[in-house]
Amino acid sequence: MALLKWPKSGRNGAAPPPPSEADDGRMPLMAHLRELRNRLVIALLGLVAGIIVGFIFFDPIWSFVSAPYCGLPQAQELRPGQCTMLILGVFDSFFVNLKVAAMFGLVVSSPIWLWQIWGFVTPGLYRNEKRYSILFIMLAVPLFLAGAALAYFVMDTGLSILLGFAPPGTLTGITIDEYLGYALIMLIVFGISFELPLLMVFLNIIGVLPHALVAKHRRMVIFIMFVFGAVATPGGDPFTMIALALPMVVLFAFAEGFMYLRERRQSKGEDFSHLSDDEASSLDDDASPLGDVVPVGDPAPIDSRTTDTDPSK
């Protein structure tokens, strides 16, 4: 027989109320949807503000964006000494302005929409995981900008390789729409690719991606990075593929090192990783599933000489 140790009672002896959704850190569904809507609005407003600035300063931005192509000999074949691109449609001039402004707005507003994405994810984390919020956003923005900068500096070499396959006796002329499409894809692919190692660290912190799993499939991950570099880059040339894959491998190595050091510093408890999701872990022999237990054995024998208080005896 055992006497259970019940939880402490609430006010006036009443049982404590069950934890509400606010107590366990979960957000109601409608409030979560409102949170998503508000953050999407803020991110879009930041992007729109960047696009407006891009429209205002279109000329210097276009000179900067077109510099990788204008530095190539193929850019001056139609008009010697002048960089030339073709506009073939009536509305292409307007869409060129829009695309250039959108590229500028995407890069300039990256701190805003990256912060909104992270702010939407943070409420679902535990308190010890939220302390990484500022560090994550401080790394996410420079990584995206570094990827965009690398894309800008390798565009001229990638274009030179691709345009170098033109047969002799032909003039090389590309439309301005094709060039902007190439530049925009390069910008997005390189910028997002540099965020993937940071995503790995985030998944490790919340317990989804352990270091042992990453180390086990390290070679496969590196191979997939090179395949991704070959498929994701618009030109598909070897130089652009390597220019994207090598920095990703380096960032992957840093992310794996962080995951290893973090898990090594954690206190090691009992390992249940070998159990399936629907299999219960073994309980300690001395533990009780009902909580703390106070054992009650047979009462000790009572000495009548010490407990008998009858004055007549």
Protein backbone atom coordinates (compact mmCIF):
# COMPACT_ATOMS: atom_id res chain seq x y z
CA MET A 1 0.00 0.00 0.00
CA ALA A 2 1.28 3.45 -0.75
CA LEU A 3 0.22 6.96 0.10
CA LEU A 4 0.27 9.32 -2.88
CA LYS A 5 1.75 12.77 -2.64
CA TRP A 6 -0.84 14.95 -4.37
CA PRO A 7 0.02 18.29 -5.99
CA LYS A 8 -0.34 21.43 -3.97
CA SER A 9 -3.86 22.77 -3.82
CA GLY A 10 -4.88 26.12 -5.17
CA ARG A 11 -6.49 29.02 -3.35
CA ASN A 12 -9.05 28.03 -0.66
CA GLY A 13 -8.06 24.42 -0.94
CA ALA A 14 -9.31 24.08 -4.51
CA ALA A 15 -7.39 22.07 -7.04
CA PRO A 16 -5.12 24.18 -9.28
CA PRO A 17 -6.68 25.04 -12.65
CA PRO A 18 -5.30 23.32 -15.74
CA PRO A 19 -2.66 25.31 -17.60
CA SER A 20 -4.12 27.61 -20.19
CA GLU A 21 -2.77 28.13 -23.70
CA ALA A 22 -1.01 31.27 -22.53
CA ASP A 23 0.68 29.38 -19.70
CA ASP A 24 2.25 26.67 -21.88
CA GLY A 25 3.52 29.21 -24.41
CA ARG A 26 1.22 28.18 -27.24
CA MET A 27 -0.63 30.79 -29.25
CA PRO A 28 -4.27 30.31 -30.28
CA LEU A 29 -4.80 29.63 -33.96
CA MET A 30 -6.54 32.90 -34.80
CA ALA A 31 -3.93 34.94 -32.94
CA HIS A 32 -1.25 33.02 -34.82
CA LEU A 33 -2.89 33.84 -38.15
CA ARG A 34 -3.16 37.51 -37.19
CA GLU A 35 0.50 37.45 -36.26
CA LEU A 36 1.34 36.01 -39.69
CA ARG A 37 -0.80 38.62 -41.45
CA ASN A 38 0.78 41.52 -39.56
CA ARG A 39 4.29 40.34 -40.25
CA LEU A 40 3.56 39.78 -43.94
CA VAL A 41 2.20 43.33 -44.16
CA ILE A 42 5.31 44.75 -42.51
CA ALA A 43 7.60 42.73 -44.81
CA LEU A 44 5.67 43.85 -47.90
CA LEU A 45 5.72 47.48 -46.78
CA GLY A 46 9.50 47.27 -46.40
CA LEU A 47 9.81 45.72 -49.85
CA VAL A 48 7.53 48.35 -51.41
CA ALA A 49 9.56 51.13 -49.78
CA GLY A 50 12.73 49.65 -51.26
CA ILE A 51 11.11 49.40 -54.69
CA ILE A 52 10.07 53.06 -54.55
CA VAL A 53 13.64 54.07 -53.71
CA GLY A 54 14.81 51.89 -56.60
CA PHE A 55 12.50 53.73 -59.00
CA ILE A 56 13.81 57.10 -57.81
CA PHE A 57 17.49 56.17 -58.19
CA PHE A 58 17.09 53.96 -61.25
CA ASP A 59 19.99 55.40 -63.30
CA PRO A 60 22.86 54.77 -60.83
CA ILE A 61 21.36 51.41 -59.85
CA TRP A 62 21.13 50.33 -63.49
CA SER A 63 24.74 51.36 -64.11
CA PHE A 64 25.78 49.19 -61.18
CA VAL A 65 23.60 46.21 -62.22
CA SER A 66 24.69 46.26 -65.89
CA ALA A 67 28.43 46.62 -65.10
CA PRO A 68 29.17 42.83 -65.18
CA TYR A 69 27.84 42.54 -68.72
CA CYS A 70 29.15 45.87 -70.01
CA GLY A 71 32.69 44.87 -69.10
CA LEU A 72 32.62 41.99 -71.59
CA PRO A 73 33.80 42.32 -75.22
CA GLN A 74 30.54 40.77 -76.42
CA ALA A 75 28.60 43.76 -75.04
CA GLN A 76 30.23 46.08 -77.61
CA GLU A 77 29.82 43.98 -80.75
CA LEU A 78 26.66 45.75 -81.97
CA ARG A 79 28.00 49.25 -81.29
CA PRO A 80 31.78 49.36 -80.85
CA GLY A 81 32.78 51.25 -77.74
CA GLN A 82 29.26 51.23 -76.23
CA CYS A 83 27.50 48.68 -74.10
CA THR A 84 24.33 47.59 -75.90
CA MET A 85 21.32 45.52 -74.86
CA LEU A 86 18.16 44.98 -76.86
CA ILE A 87 14.58 45.94 -76.00
CA LEU A 88 12.15 44.00 -78.18
CA GLY A 89 8.75 44.71 -76.63
CA VAL A 90 6.66 47.85 -76.18
CA PHE A 91 6.24 47.37 -72.44
CA ASP A 92 9.74 46.03 -71.81
CA SER A 93 11.07 49.47 -70.86
CA PHE A 94 8.60 49.76 -67.98
CA PHE A 95 9.20 46.21 -66.78
CA VAL A 96 12.95 46.81 -66.86
CA ASN A 97 12.50 49.67 -64.42
CA LEU A 98 10.24 47.51 -62.28
CA LYS A 99 12.65 44.57 -62.20
CA VAL A 100 15.65 46.71 -61.35
CA ALA A 101 13.71 48.45 -58.58
CA ALA A 102 12.50 45.06 -57.29
CA MET A 103 16.06 43.72 -57.16
CA PHE A 104 17.17 46.79 -55.24
CA GLY A 105 14.19 46.63 -52.89
CA LEU A 106 14.72 42.91 -52.21
CA VAL A 107 18.31 43.47 -51.13
CA VAL A 108 17.77 46.70 -49.20
CA SER A 109 14.72 45.44 -47.31
CA SER A 110 16.32 42.08 -46.43
CA PRO A 111 16.83 43.06 -42.75
CA ILE A 112 13.10 43.80 -42.46
CA TRP A 113 11.65 40.64 -44.02
CA LEU A 114 14.28 38.38 -42.48
CA TRP A 115 13.45 39.81 -39.05
CA GLN A 116 9.73 39.28 -39.66
CA ILE A 117 10.31 35.64 -40.64
CA TRP A 118 12.38 35.01 -37.54
CA GLY A 119 9.91 36.91 -35.34
CA PHE A 120 7.11 34.65 -36.57
CA VAL A 121 9.06 31.50 -35.70
CA THR A 122 10.36 32.68 -32.30
CA PRO A 123 7.11 32.33 -30.25
CA GLY A 124 7.16 28.59 -30.89
CA LEU A 125 10.56 28.21 -29.26
CA TYR A 126 11.47 27.52 -25.67
CA ARG A 127 12.96 30.23 -23.52
CA ASN A 128 16.50 28.87 -23.79
CA GLU A 129 16.13 28.81 -27.59
CA LYS A 130 14.88 32.38 -27.91
CA ARG A 131 18.20 33.75 -26.70
CA TYR A 132 19.63 32.93 -30.13
CA SER A 133 17.16 35.29 -31.87
CA ILE A 134 19.38 38.34 -32.04
CA LEU A 135 22.39 36.25 -33.04
CA PHE A 136 20.43 34.58 -35.84
CA ILE A 137 19.19 37.81 -37.38
CA MET A 138 22.66 39.35 -37.03
CA LEU A 139 24.01 36.44 -39.08
CA ALA A 140 21.11 36.02 -41.52
CA VAL A 141 21.32 39.51 -43.01
CA PRO A 142 25.11 39.52 -43.63
CA LEU A 143 24.92 36.00 -45.07
CA PHE A 144 22.21 36.99 -47.54
CA LEU A 145 24.09 40.13 -48.54
CA ALA A 146 27.33 38.14 -48.87
CA GLY A 147 25.61 35.67 -51.19
CA ALA A 148 24.18 38.50 -53.29
CA ALA A 149 27.60 40.18 -53.48
CA LEU A 150 29.26 36.93 -54.56
CA ALA A 151 26.61 36.49 -57.26
CA TYR A 152 27.36 39.98 -58.55
CA PHE A 153 31.11 39.40 -58.75
CA VAL A 154 30.87 36.03 -60.53
CA MET A 155 28.25 37.11 -63.07
CA ASP A 156 30.78 38.55 -65.50
CA THR A 157 32.85 35.36 -65.56
CA GLY A 158 29.76 33.19 -65.92
CA LEU A 159 28.44 35.33 -68.76
CA SER A 160 31.82 35.31 -70.46
CA ILE A 161 31.90 31.51 -70.40
CA LEU A 162 28.34 31.17 -71.68
CA LEU A 163 28.66 33.78 -74.43
CA GLY A 164 32.03 32.35 -75.43
CA PHE A 165 30.25 29.34 -76.98
CA ALA A 166 28.88 31.53 -79.79
CA PRO A 167 30.18 30.24 -83.15
CA PRO A 168 32.54 32.40 -85.20
CA GLY A 169 30.98 34.96 -87.49
CA THR A 170 27.99 35.68 -85.24
CA LEU A 171 27.05 38.77 -83.28
CA THR A 172 26.26 38.35 -79.62
CA GLY A 173 23.35 40.45 -78.44
CA ILE A 174 21.12 39.68 -75.47
CA THR A 175 17.91 41.39 -74.50
CA ILE A 176 17.77 43.46 -71.37
CA ASP A 177 14.97 41.26 -70.07
CA GLU A 178 17.12 38.13 -70.38
CA TYR A 179 19.99 39.78 -68.58
CA LEU A 180 17.82 40.98 -65.69
CA GLY A 181 16.26 37.54 -65.36
CA TYR A 182 19.72 35.99 -65.17
CA ALA A 183 20.89 38.56 -62.60
CA LEU A 184 17.77 38.21 -60.45
CA ILE A 185 17.98 34.42 -60.32
CA MET A 186 21.67 34.59 -59.44
CA LEU A 187 20.92 37.07 -56.66
CA ILE A 188 18.13 35.00 -55.10
CA VAL A 189 19.89 31.63 -55.46
CA PHE A 190 23.17 32.79 -53.94
CA GLY A 191 21.48 34.79 -51.18
CA ILE A 192 19.17 31.97 -50.06
CA SER A 193 21.88 29.32 -50.41
CA PHE A 194 24.03 31.14 -47.89
CA GLU A 195 21.14 30.89 -45.40
CA LEU A 196 20.94 27.08 -45.55
CA PRO A 197 23.79 26.41 -43.05
CA LEU A 198 22.11 28.83 -40.64
CA LEU A 199 18.89 26.84 -41.06
CA MET A 200 20.81 23.69 -40.13
CA VAL A 201 21.98 25.30 -36.90
CA PHE A 202 18.44 26.43 -36.12
CA LEU A 203 17.07 22.90 -36.61
CA ASN A 204 19.80 21.56 -34.36
CA ILE A 205 18.96 24.03 -31.59
CA ILE A 206 15.29 23.04 -31.55
CA GLY A 207 16.27 19.36 -31.52
CA VAL A 208 15.13 18.38 -35.02
CA LEU A 209 18.55 17.83 -36.63
CA PRO A 210 21.17 16.15 -34.41
CA HIS A 211 24.86 16.39 -35.25
CA ALA A 212 25.18 12.61 -35.47
CA LEU A 213 22.76 12.55 -38.40
CA VAL A 214 24.65 15.32 -40.21
CA ALA A 215 28.02 13.64 -39.65
CA LYS A 216 26.65 10.32 -40.90
CA HIS A 217 25.53 11.84 -44.21
CA ARG A 218 28.30 14.43 -44.60
CA ARG A 219 29.55 13.18 -47.96
CA MET A 220 26.05 12.98 -49.37
CA VAL A 221 25.29 16.54 -48.23
CA ILE A 222 28.43 17.89 -49.91
CA PHE A 223 27.58 16.02 -53.11
CA ILE A 224 24.04 17.45 -53.04
CA MET A 225 25.49 20.94 -52.65
CA PHE A 226 27.44 20.59 -55.89
CA VAL A 227 24.39 19.16 -57.64
CA PHE A 228 22.33 22.05 -56.32
CA GLY A 229 24.95 24.50 -57.59
CA ALA A 230 24.76 22.96 -61.05
CA VAL A 231 20.95 22.93 -61.17
CA ALA A 232 20.08 26.18 -59.39
CA THR A 233 22.43 28.51 -61.24
CA PRO A 234 20.77 29.81 -64.43
CA GLY A 235 23.78 29.38 -66.70
CA GLY A 236 24.83 25.92 -65.54
CA ASP A 237 28.49 26.62 -66.31
CA PRO A 238 31.13 24.90 -64.14
CA PHE A 239 32.60 28.15 -62.81
CA THR A 240 29.28 29.43 -61.40
CA MET A 241 28.49 26.00 -59.99
CA ILE A 242 31.82 25.83 -58.13
CA ALA A 243 31.52 29.48 -57.03
CA LEU A 244 28.22 28.61 -55.34
CA ALA A 245 29.06 25.14 -54.01
CA LEU A 246 32.44 25.89 -52.40
CA PRO A 247 31.20 28.68 -50.08
CA MET A 248 28.24 26.47 -49.15
CA VAL A 249 30.63 23.66 -48.19
CA VAL A 250 32.69 26.06 -46.06
CA LEU A 251 29.58 27.40 -44.32
CA PHE A 252 28.36 23.83 -43.85
CA ALA A 253 31.63 22.97 -42.10
CA PHE A 254 31.21 25.92 -39.72
CA ALA A 255 27.60 24.94 -39.03
CA GLU A 256 28.56 21.33 -38.32
CA GLY A 257 31.33 22.47 -35.99
CA PHE A 258 28.89 24.64 -34.07
CA MET A 259 26.43 21.75 -33.77
CA TYR A 260 29.18 19.46 -32.50
CA LEU A 261 30.42 21.91 -29.88
CA ARG A 262 26.92 22.77 -28.75
CA GLU A 263 25.87 19.16 -28.22
CA ARG A 264 29.16 18.40 -26.50
CA ARG A 265 28.58 21.16 -23.95
CA GLN A 266 25.09 19.96 -23.16
CA SER A 267 24.58 17.69 -20.19
CA LYS A 268 24.18 14.14 -21.38
CA GLY A 269 21.12 12.38 -20.03
CA GLU A 270 19.72 8.96 -20.83
CA ASP A 271 19.69 8.31 -24.57
CA PHE A 272 16.29 7.35 -26.01
CA SER A 273 17.26 7.94 -29.64
CA HIS A 274 17.15 4.22 -30.36
CA LEU A 275 13.45 4.06 -29.50
CA SER A 276 10.75 4.52 -32.10
CA ASP A 277 8.22 7.34 -31.81
CA ASP A 278 5.47 5.04 -30.49
CA GLU A 279 7.64 3.04 -28.09
CA ALA A 280 7.70 3.91 -24.41
CA SER A 281 11.01 4.38 -22.68
CA SER A 282 11.96 2.08 -19.81
CA LEU A 283 11.29 3.46 -16.34
CA ASP A 284 13.62 3.19 -13.44
CA ASP A 285 12.73 0.45 -10.99
CA ASP A 286 12.50 2.88 -8.11
CA ALA A 287 10.35 5.36 -10.05
CA SER A 288 6.58 5.45 -10.03
CA PRO A 289 4.48 6.69 -12.94
CA LEU A 290 2.15 8.36 -10.43
CA GLY A 291 4.73 10.77 -9.09
CA ASP A 292 6.44 11.04 -5.73
CA VAL A 293 5.37 8.21 -3.43
CA VAL A 294 5.68 8.04 0.34
CA PRO A 295 5.81 4.35 1.32
CA VAL A 296 3.80 3.30 4.35
CA GLY A 297 4.79 -0.01 5.92
CA ASP A 298 3.53 -1.91 8.92
CA PRO A 299 3.34 0.35 11.96
CA ALA A 300 6.00 -0.11 14.59
CA PRO A 301 4.98 -2.05 17.76
CA ILE A 302 3.58 0.18 20.44
CA ASP A 303 5.07 -0.06 23.88
CA SER A 304 2.22 -0.15 26.39
CA ARG A 305 4.46 1.10 29.16
CA THR A 306 5.01 4.39 27.33
CA THR A 307 1.55 4.89 25.91
CA ASP A 308 -0.66 3.68 28.79
CA THR A 309 -1.70 6.80 30.69
CA ASP A 310 -4.46 5.26 32.88
CA PRO A 311 -3.69 6.42 36.47
CA SER A 312 -5.48 3.41 37.98
CA LYS A 313 -2.78 1.01 36.65
